[in-house]
Amino acid sequence: MRIIAELPHPDFKISILNMNRKFIIKIEQGNLEQSYKIAEADVLDGVNSIFELLDDAFLATVLARFIEMRKDFRESYNRYNY
């Protein structure tokens, strides 16, 4: 697995990796991570197509998902600490 691109973003660390003829989009925020895999054959213009997939609407849902993930983990952690 190798990193082929990193995209600047104010809220996340976004890395594009390549492994076994798949692109892996890894988005990190603090101790949480979301990853998405897409076959190279499913995009027309290689990594440039991946950049197009990461539009504002998609990244807004990623942010909302991070908020939910953090909430879920915090609730589970608080149950554990009781």
PDB file of N, CA and C in Angstrom:
ATOM      1  N   MET A   1       0.860  -1.166   0.000  1.00  0.00           N
ATOM      2  CA  MET A   1       0.000   0.000   0.000  1.00  0.00           C
ATOM      3  C   MET A   1       0.906   1.228   0.000  1.00  0.00           C
ATOM      4  N   ARG A   2       0.586   2.146  -0.889  1.00  0.00           N
ATOM      5  CA  ARG A   2       1.396   3.362  -0.924  1.00  0.00           C
ATOM      6  C   ARG A   2       0.504   4.583  -1.068  1.00  0.00           C
ATOM      7  N   ILE A   3       0.923   5.653  -0.428  1.00  0.00           N
ATOM      8  CA  ILE A   3       0.197   6.917  -0.528  1.00  0.00           C
ATOM      9  C   ILE A   3       0.549   7.555  -1.860  1.00  0.00           C
ATOM     10  N   ILE A   4      -0.475   7.892  -2.636  1.00  0.00           N
ATOM     11  CA  ILE A   4      -0.229   8.532  -3.929  1.00  0.00           C
ATOM     12  C   ILE A   4      -0.631  10.003  -3.938  1.00  0.00           C
ATOM     13  N   ALA A   5      -1.419  10.422  -2.936  1.00  0.00           N
ATOM     14  CA  ALA A   5      -1.804  11.834  -2.856  1.00  0.00           C
ATOM     15  C   ALA A   5      -2.332  12.136  -1.463  1.00  0.00           C
ATOM     16  N   GLU A   6      -2.154  13.376  -1.058  1.00  0.00           N
ATOM     17  CA  GLU A   6      -2.777  13.897   0.157  1.00  0.00           C
ATOM     18  C   GLU A   6      -3.457  15.200  -0.222  1.00  0.00           C
ATOM     19  N   LEU A   7      -4.688  15.356   0.240  1.00  0.00           N
ATOM     20  CA  LEU A   7      -5.444  16.555  -0.096  1.00  0.00           C
ATOM     21  C   LEU A   7      -5.567  17.447   1.129  1.00  0.00           C
ATOM     22  N   PRO A   8      -5.278  18.710   0.983  1.00  0.00           N
ATOM     23  CA  PRO A   8      -5.450  19.613   2.118  1.00  0.00           C
ATOM     24  C   PRO A   8      -6.936  19.834   2.413  1.00  0.00           C
ATOM     25  N   HIS A   9      -7.253  19.855   3.685  1.00  0.00           N
ATOM     26  CA  HIS A   9      -8.620  20.136   4.112  1.00  0.00           C
ATOM     27  C   HIS A   9      -8.544  20.663   5.538  1.00  0.00           C
ATOM     28  N   PRO A  10      -9.343  21.679   5.880  1.00  0.00           N
ATOM     29  CA  PRO A  10      -9.254  22.258   7.229  1.00  0.00           C
ATOM     30  C   PRO A  10      -9.745  21.335   8.347  1.00  0.00           C
ATOM     31  N   ASP A  11     -10.626  20.379   8.042  1.00  0.00           N
ATOM     32  CA  ASP A  11     -11.221  19.546   9.082  1.00  0.00           C
ATOM     33  C   ASP A  11     -10.676  18.124   9.139  1.00  0.00           C
ATOM     34  N   PHE A  12     -10.045  17.641   8.073  1.00  0.00           N
ATOM     35  CA  PHE A  12      -9.639  16.243   7.985  1.00  0.00           C
ATOM     36  C   PHE A  12      -8.229  16.118   7.445  1.00  0.00           C
ATOM     37  N   LYS A  13      -7.676  14.943   7.641  1.00  0.00           N
ATOM     38  CA  LYS A  13      -6.500  14.526   6.885  1.00  0.00           C
ATOM     39  C   LYS A  13      -7.015  13.548   5.833  1.00  0.00           C
ATOM     40  N   ILE A  14      -6.817  13.878   4.565  1.00  0.00           N
ATOM     41  CA  ILE A  14      -7.304  13.038   3.477  1.00  0.00           C
ATOM     42  C   ILE A  14      -6.106  12.475   2.725  1.00  0.00           C
ATOM     43  N   SER A  15      -6.042  11.148   2.671  1.00  0.00           N
ATOM     44  CA  SER A  15      -4.971  10.464   1.947  1.00  0.00           C
ATOM     45  C   SER A  15      -5.603   9.549   0.898  1.00  0.00           C
ATOM     46  N   ILE A  16      -4.970   9.494  -0.265  1.00  0.00           N
ATOM     47  CA  ILE A  16      -5.369   8.568  -1.317  1.00  0.00           C
ATOM     48  C   ILE A  16      -4.247   7.540  -1.426  1.00  0.00           C
ATOM     49  N   LEU A  17      -4.617   6.287  -1.271  1.00  0.00           N
ATOM     50  CA  LEU A  17      -3.639   5.219  -1.336  1.00  0.00           C
ATOM     51  C   LEU A  17      -3.968   4.302  -2.502  1.00  0.00           C
ATOM     52  N   ASN A  18      -2.984   3.504  -2.892  1.00  0.00           N
ATOM     53  CA  ASN A  18      -3.182   2.556  -3.971  1.00  0.00           C
ATOM     54  C   ASN A  18      -2.678   1.194  -3.513  1.00  0.00           C
ATOM     55  N   MET A  19      -3.544   0.172  -3.678  1.00  0.00           N
ATOM     56  CA  MET A  19      -3.158  -1.181  -3.287  1.00  0.00           C
ATOM     57  C   MET A  19      -4.022  -2.175  -4.062  1.00  0.00           C
ATOM     58  N   ASN A  20      -3.387  -3.169  -4.631  1.00  0.00           N
ATOM     59  CA  ASN A  20      -4.092  -4.251  -5.327  1.00  0.00           C
ATOM     60  C   ASN A  20      -5.129  -3.747  -6.324  1.00  0.00           C
ATOM     61  N   ARG A  21      -4.728  -2.799  -7.156  1.00  0.00           N
ATOM     62  CA  ARG A  21      -5.588  -2.217  -8.196  1.00  0.00           C
ATOM     63  C   ARG A  21      -6.841  -1.555  -7.634  1.00  0.00           C
ATOM     64  N   LYS A  22      -6.721  -1.053  -6.418  1.00  0.00           N
ATOM     65  CA  LYS A  22      -7.807  -0.290  -5.802  1.00  0.00           C
ATOM     66  C   LYS A  22      -7.264   1.022  -5.273  1.00  0.00           C
ATOM     67  N   PHE A  23      -8.107   2.047  -5.341  1.00  0.00           N
ATOM     68  CA  PHE A  23      -7.816   3.292  -4.650  1.00  0.00           C
ATOM     69  C   PHE A  23      -8.485   3.211  -3.290  1.00  0.00           C
ATOM     70  N   ILE A  24      -7.786   3.632  -2.278  1.00  0.00           N
ATOM     71  CA  ILE A  24      -8.337   3.695  -0.925  1.00  0.00           C
ATOM     72  C   ILE A  24      -8.319   5.154  -0.511  1.00  0.00           C
ATOM     73  N   ILE A  25      -9.488   5.663  -0.185  1.00  0.00           N
ATOM     74  CA  ILE A  25      -9.617   7.043   0.295  1.00  0.00           C
ATOM     75  C   ILE A  25      -9.689   6.944   1.808  1.00  0.00           C
ATOM     76  N   LYS A  26      -8.689   7.492   2.487  1.00  0.00           N
ATOM     77  CA  LYS A  26      -8.638   7.434   3.945  1.00  0.00           C
ATOM     78  C   LYS A  26      -8.801   8.853   4.488  1.00  0.00           C
ATOM     79  N   ILE A  27      -9.826   9.028   5.303  1.00  0.00           N
ATOM     80  CA  ILE A  27     -10.126  10.350   5.864  1.00  0.00           C
ATOM     81  C   ILE A  27     -10.055  10.218   7.378  1.00  0.00           C
ATOM     82  N   GLU A  28      -9.213  11.023   7.991  1.00  0.00           N
ATOM     83  CA  GLU A  28      -8.988  10.944   9.432  1.00  0.00           C
ATOM     84  C   GLU A  28      -9.356  12.259  10.107  1.00  0.00           C
ATOM     85  N   GLN A  29      -9.888  12.130  11.310  1.00  0.00           N
ATOM     86  CA  GLN A  29     -10.154  13.286  12.152  1.00  0.00           C
ATOM     87  C   GLN A  29      -9.887  12.841  13.581  1.00  0.00           C
ATOM     88  N   GLY A  30      -8.813  13.346  14.170  1.00  0.00           N
ATOM     89  CA  GLY A  30      -8.444  12.921  15.523  1.00  0.00           C
ATOM     90  C   GLY A  30      -8.175  11.427  15.553  1.00  0.00           C
ATOM     91  N   ASN A  31      -8.842  10.732  16.465  1.00  0.00           N
ATOM     92  CA  ASN A  31      -8.630   9.289  16.605  1.00  0.00           C
ATOM     93  C   ASN A  31      -9.633   8.468  15.788  1.00  0.00           C
ATOM     94  N   LEU A  32     -10.389   9.110  14.917  1.00  0.00           N
ATOM     95  CA  LEU A  32     -11.376   8.411  14.096  1.00  0.00           C
ATOM     96  C   LEU A  32     -10.930   8.383  12.638  1.00  0.00           C
ATOM     97  N   GLU A  33     -11.392   7.367  11.933  1.00  0.00           N
ATOM     98  CA  GLU A  33     -11.014   7.204  10.532  1.00  0.00           C
ATOM     99  C   GLU A  33     -12.168   6.606   9.735  1.00  0.00           C
ATOM    100  N   GLN A  34     -12.332   7.111   8.529  1.00  0.00           N
ATOM    101  CA  GLN A  34     -13.272   6.524   7.571  1.00  0.00           C
ATOM    102  C   GLN A  34     -12.462   6.160   6.333  1.00  0.00           C
ATOM    103  N   SER A  35     -12.760   5.017   5.747  1.00  0.00           N
ATOM    104  CA  SER A  35     -12.064   4.650   4.517  1.00  0.00           C
ATOM    105  C   SER A  35     -13.062   4.126   3.496  1.00  0.00           C
ATOM    106  N   TYR A  36     -12.756   4.398   2.254  1.00  0.00           N
ATOM    107  CA  TYR A  36     -13.589   4.011   1.125  1.00  0.00           C
ATOM    108  C   TYR A  36     -12.671   3.410   0.066  1.00  0.00           C
ATOM    109  N   LYS A  37     -13.100   2.303  -0.529  1.00  0.00           N
ATOM    110  CA  LYS A  37     -12.299   1.627  -1.555  1.00  0.00           C
ATOM    111  C   LYS A  37     -13.058   1.643  -2.872  1.00  0.00           C
ATOM    112  N   ILE A  38     -12.315   1.859  -3.941  1.00  0.00           N
ATOM    113  CA  ILE A  38     -12.899   1.826  -5.277  1.00  0.00           C
ATOM    114  C   ILE A  38     -11.877   1.214  -6.236  1.00  0.00           C
ATOM    115  N   ALA A  39     -12.317   0.314  -7.063  1.00  0.00           N
ATOM    116  CA  ALA A  39     -11.430  -0.334  -8.027  1.00  0.00           C
ATOM    117  C   ALA A  39     -10.945   0.682  -9.062  1.00  0.00           C
ATOM    118  N   GLU A  40      -9.684   0.543  -9.459  1.00  0.00           N
ATOM    119  CA  GLU A  40      -9.138   1.422 -10.490  1.00  0.00           C
ATOM    120  C   GLU A  40      -9.987   1.366 -11.757  1.00  0.00           C
ATOM    121  N   ALA A  41     -10.531   0.199 -12.072  1.00  0.00           N
ATOM    122  CA  ALA A  41     -11.326   0.029 -13.291  1.00  0.00           C
ATOM    123  C   ALA A  41     -12.661   0.770 -13.232  1.00  0.00           C
ATOM    124  N   ASP A  42     -13.078   1.180 -12.047  1.00  0.00           N
ATOM    125  CA  ASP A  42     -14.370   1.848 -11.893  1.00  0.00           C
ATOM    126  C   ASP A  42     -14.294   3.366 -12.056  1.00  0.00           C
ATOM    127  N   VAL A  43     -13.104   3.880 -12.280  1.00  0.00           N
ATOM    128  CA  VAL A  43     -12.955   5.326 -12.501  1.00  0.00           C
ATOM    129  C   VAL A  43     -12.260   5.553 -13.837  1.00  0.00           C
ATOM    130  N   LEU A  44     -12.645   6.616 -14.510  1.00  0.00           N
ATOM    131  CA  LEU A  44     -12.143   6.855 -15.867  1.00  0.00           C
ATOM    132  C   LEU A  44     -10.773   7.517 -15.917  1.00  0.00           C
ATOM    133  N   ASP A  45     -10.506   8.410 -14.973  1.00  0.00           N
ATOM    134  CA  ASP A  45      -9.303   9.244 -15.073  1.00  0.00           C
ATOM    135  C   ASP A  45      -8.364   9.043 -13.887  1.00  0.00           C
ATOM    136  N   GLY A  46      -8.253   7.822 -13.405  1.00  0.00           N
ATOM    137  CA  GLY A  46      -7.320   7.519 -12.322  1.00  0.00           C
ATOM    138  C   GLY A  46      -7.577   8.340 -11.081  1.00  0.00           C
ATOM    139  N   VAL A  47      -6.496   8.789 -10.467  1.00  0.00           N
ATOM    140  CA  VAL A  47      -6.614   9.524  -9.200  1.00  0.00           C
ATOM    141  C   VAL A  47      -7.363  10.842  -9.382  1.00  0.00           C
ATOM    142  N   ASN A  48      -7.337  11.416 -10.573  1.00  0.00           N
ATOM    143  CA  ASN A  48      -8.097  12.652 -10.810  1.00  0.00           C
ATOM    144  C   ASN A  48      -9.594  12.428 -10.620  1.00  0.00           C
ATOM    145  N   SER A  49     -10.067  11.252 -10.971  1.00  0.00           N
ATOM    146  CA  SER A  49     -11.477  10.926 -10.733  1.00  0.00           C
ATOM    147  C   SER A  49     -11.780  10.848  -9.247  1.00  0.00           C
ATOM    148  N   ILE A  50     -10.825  10.370  -8.478  1.00  0.00           N
ATOM    149  CA  ILE A  50     -11.002  10.302  -7.026  1.00  0.00           C
ATOM    150  C   ILE A  50     -11.148  11.711  -6.464  1.00  0.00           C
ATOM    151  N   PHE A  51     -10.322  12.644  -6.953  1.00  0.00           N
ATOM    152  CA  PHE A  51     -10.435  14.031  -6.503  1.00  0.00           C
ATOM    153  C   PHE A  51     -11.834  14.572  -6.780  1.00  0.00           C
ATOM    154  N   GLU A  52     -12.415  14.222  -7.920  1.00  0.00           N
ATOM    155  CA  GLU A  52     -13.752  14.688  -8.276  1.00  0.00           C
ATOM    156  C   GLU A  52     -14.822  14.099  -7.352  1.00  0.00           C
ATOM    157  N   LEU A  53     -14.606  12.868  -6.892  1.00  0.00           N
ATOM    158  CA  LEU A  53     -15.571  12.249  -5.975  1.00  0.00           C
ATOM    159  C   LEU A  53     -15.637  12.982  -4.632  1.00  0.00           C
ATOM    160  N   LEU A  54     -14.545  13.601  -4.243  1.00  0.00           N
ATOM    161  CA  LEU A  54     -14.469  14.243  -2.931  1.00  0.00           C
ATOM    162  C   LEU A  54     -14.990  15.672  -2.992  1.00  0.00           C
ATOM    163  N   ASP A  55     -16.235  15.815  -3.409  1.00  0.00           N
ATOM    164  CA  ASP A  55     -16.817  17.147  -3.526  1.00  0.00           C
ATOM    165  C   ASP A  55     -17.356  17.628  -2.174  1.00  0.00           C
ATOM    166  N   ASP A  56     -17.829  18.859  -2.149  1.00  0.00           N
ATOM    167  CA  ASP A  56     -18.300  19.462  -0.890  1.00  0.00           C
ATOM    168  C   ASP A  56     -19.456  18.685  -0.273  1.00  0.00           C
ATOM    169  N   ALA A  57     -20.364  18.202  -1.092  1.00  0.00           N
ATOM    170  CA  ALA A  57     -21.513  17.457  -0.561  1.00  0.00           C
ATOM    171  C   ALA A  57     -21.048  16.170   0.124  1.00  0.00           C
ATOM    172  N   PHE A  58     -20.131  15.439  -0.501  1.00  0.00           N
ATOM    173  CA  PHE A  58     -19.624  14.207   0.097  1.00  0.00           C
ATOM    174  C   PHE A  58     -18.885  14.507   1.400  1.00  0.00           C
ATOM    175  N   LEU A  59     -18.023  15.518   1.399  1.00  0.00           N
ATOM    176  CA  LEU A  59     -17.252  15.828   2.597  1.00  0.00           C
ATOM    177  C   LEU A  59     -18.145  16.330   3.734  1.00  0.00           C
ATOM    178  N   ALA A  60     -19.266  16.951   3.410  1.00  0.00           N
ATOM    179  CA  ALA A  60     -20.222  17.353   4.449  1.00  0.00           C
ATOM    180  C   ALA A  60     -20.810  16.114   5.130  1.00  0.00           C
ATOM    181  N   THR A  61     -21.089  15.069   4.357  1.00  0.00           N
ATOM    182  CA  THR A  61     -21.607  13.839   4.973  1.00  0.00           C
ATOM    183  C   THR A  61     -20.522  13.134   5.782  1.00  0.00           C
ATOM    184  N   VAL A  62     -19.292  13.235   5.328  1.00  0.00           N
ATOM    185  CA  VAL A  62     -18.171  12.665   6.097  1.00  0.00           C
ATOM    186  C   VAL A  62     -18.080  13.360   7.454  1.00  0.00           C
ATOM    187  N   LEU A  63     -18.187  14.684   7.463  1.00  0.00           N
ATOM    188  CA  LEU A  63     -18.131  15.428   8.717  1.00  0.00           C
ATOM    189  C   LEU A  63     -19.279  15.020   9.643  1.00  0.00           C
ATOM    190  N   ALA A  64     -20.481  14.908   9.092  1.00  0.00           N
ATOM    191  CA  ALA A  64     -21.635  14.490   9.901  1.00  0.00           C
ATOM    192  C   ALA A  64     -21.414  13.090  10.471  1.00  0.00           C
ATOM    193  N   ARG A  65     -20.835  12.212   9.681  1.00  0.00           N
ATOM    194  CA  ARG A  65     -20.567  10.846  10.140  1.00  0.00           C
ATOM    195  C   ARG A  65     -19.526  10.851  11.260  1.00  0.00           C
ATOM    196  N   PHE A  66     -18.501  11.695  11.156  1.00  0.00           N
ATOM    197  CA  PHE A  66     -17.508  11.800  12.230  1.00  0.00           C
ATOM    198  C   PHE A  66     -18.172  12.257  13.529  1.00  0.00           C
ATOM    199  N   ILE A  67     -19.094  13.205  13.418  1.00  0.00           N
ATOM    200  CA  ILE A  67     -19.798  13.682  14.612  1.00  0.00           C
ATOM    201  C   ILE A  67     -20.572  12.540  15.249  1.00  0.00           C
ATOM    202  N   GLU A  68     -21.277  11.756  14.433  1.00  0.00           N
ATOM    203  CA  GLU A  68     -22.024  10.600  14.945  1.00  0.00           C
ATOM    204  C   GLU A  68     -21.094   9.533  15.515  1.00  0.00           C
ATOM    205  N   MET A  69     -19.987   9.276  14.839  1.00  0.00           N
ATOM    206  CA  MET A  69     -19.032   8.281  15.330  1.00  0.00           C
ATOM    207  C   MET A  69     -18.495   8.684  16.707  1.00  0.00           C
ATOM    208  N   ARG A  70     -18.136   9.969  16.841  1.00  0.00           N
ATOM    209  CA  ARG A  70     -17.595  10.455  18.111  1.00  0.00           C
ATOM    210  C   ARG A  70     -18.649  10.327  19.214  1.00  0.00           C
ATOM    211  N   LYS A  71     -19.903  10.670  18.899  1.00  0.00           N
ATOM    212  CA  LYS A  71     -21.002  10.561  19.859  1.00  0.00           C
ATOM    213  C   LYS A  71     -21.201   9.112  20.281  1.00  0.00           C
ATOM    214  N   ASP A  72     -21.261   8.206  19.313  1.00  0.00           N
ATOM    215  CA  ASP A  72     -21.445   6.786  19.609  1.00  0.00           C
ATOM    216  C   ASP A  72     -20.324   6.242  20.488  1.00  0.00           C
ATOM    217  N   PHE A  73     -19.097   6.608  20.158  1.00  0.00           N
ATOM    218  CA  PHE A  73     -17.971   6.100  20.931  1.00  0.00           C
ATOM    219  C   PHE A  73     -17.979   6.674  22.349  1.00  0.00           C
ATOM    220  N   ARG A  74     -18.291   7.960  22.467  1.00  0.00           N
ATOM    221  CA  ARG A  74     -18.345   8.589  23.793  1.00  0.00           C
ATOM    222  C   ARG A  74     -19.402   7.920  24.659  1.00  0.00           C
ATOM    223  N   GLU A  75     -20.577   7.634  24.094  1.00  0.00           N
ATOM    224  CA  GLU A  75     -21.639   6.962  24.846  1.00  0.00           C
ATOM    225  C   GLU A  75     -21.209   5.569  25.278  1.00  0.00           C
ATOM    226  N   SER A  76     -20.578   4.834  24.404  1.00  0.00           N
ATOM    227  CA  SER A  76     -20.092   3.494  24.743  1.00  0.00           C
ATOM    228  C   SER A  76     -19.022   3.570  25.826  1.00  0.00           C
ATOM    229  N   TYR A  77     -18.117   4.514  25.697  1.00  0.00           N
ATOM    230  CA  TYR A  77     -17.053   4.675  26.674  1.00  0.00           C
ATOM    231  C   TYR A  77     -17.624   5.033  28.041  1.00  0.00           C
ATOM    232  N   ASN A  78     -18.639   5.898  28.074  1.00  0.00           N
ATOM    233  CA  ASN A  78     -19.253   6.262  29.345  1.00  0.00           C
ATOM    234  C   ASN A  78     -19.970   5.065  29.984  1.00  0.00           C
ATOM    235  N   ARG A  79     -20.589   4.204  29.190  1.00  0.00           N
ATOM    236  CA  ARG A  79     -21.193   2.999  29.744  1.00  0.00           C
ATOM    237  C   ARG A  79     -20.122   2.080  30.327  1.00  0.00           C
ATOM    238  N   TYR A  80     -19.010   1.990  29.658  1.00  0.00           N
ATOM    239  CA  TYR A  80     -17.897   1.145  30.094  1.00  0.00           C
ATOM    240  C   TYR A  80     -17.335   1.635  31.429  1.00  0.00           C
ATOM    241  N   ASN A  81     -17.276   2.932  31.603  1.00  0.00           N
ATOM    242  CA  ASN A  81     -16.684   3.508  32.824  1.00  0.00           C
ATOM    243  C   ASN A  81     -17.603   3.505  34.015  1.00  0.00           C
ATOM    244  N   TYR A  82     -18.841   3.055  33.865  1.00  0.00           N
ATOM    245  CA  TYR A  82     -19.757   2.989  35.008  1.00  0.00           C
ATOM    246  C   TYR A  82     -19.497   1.812  35.842  1.00  0.00           C
TER     247      TYR A  82
END
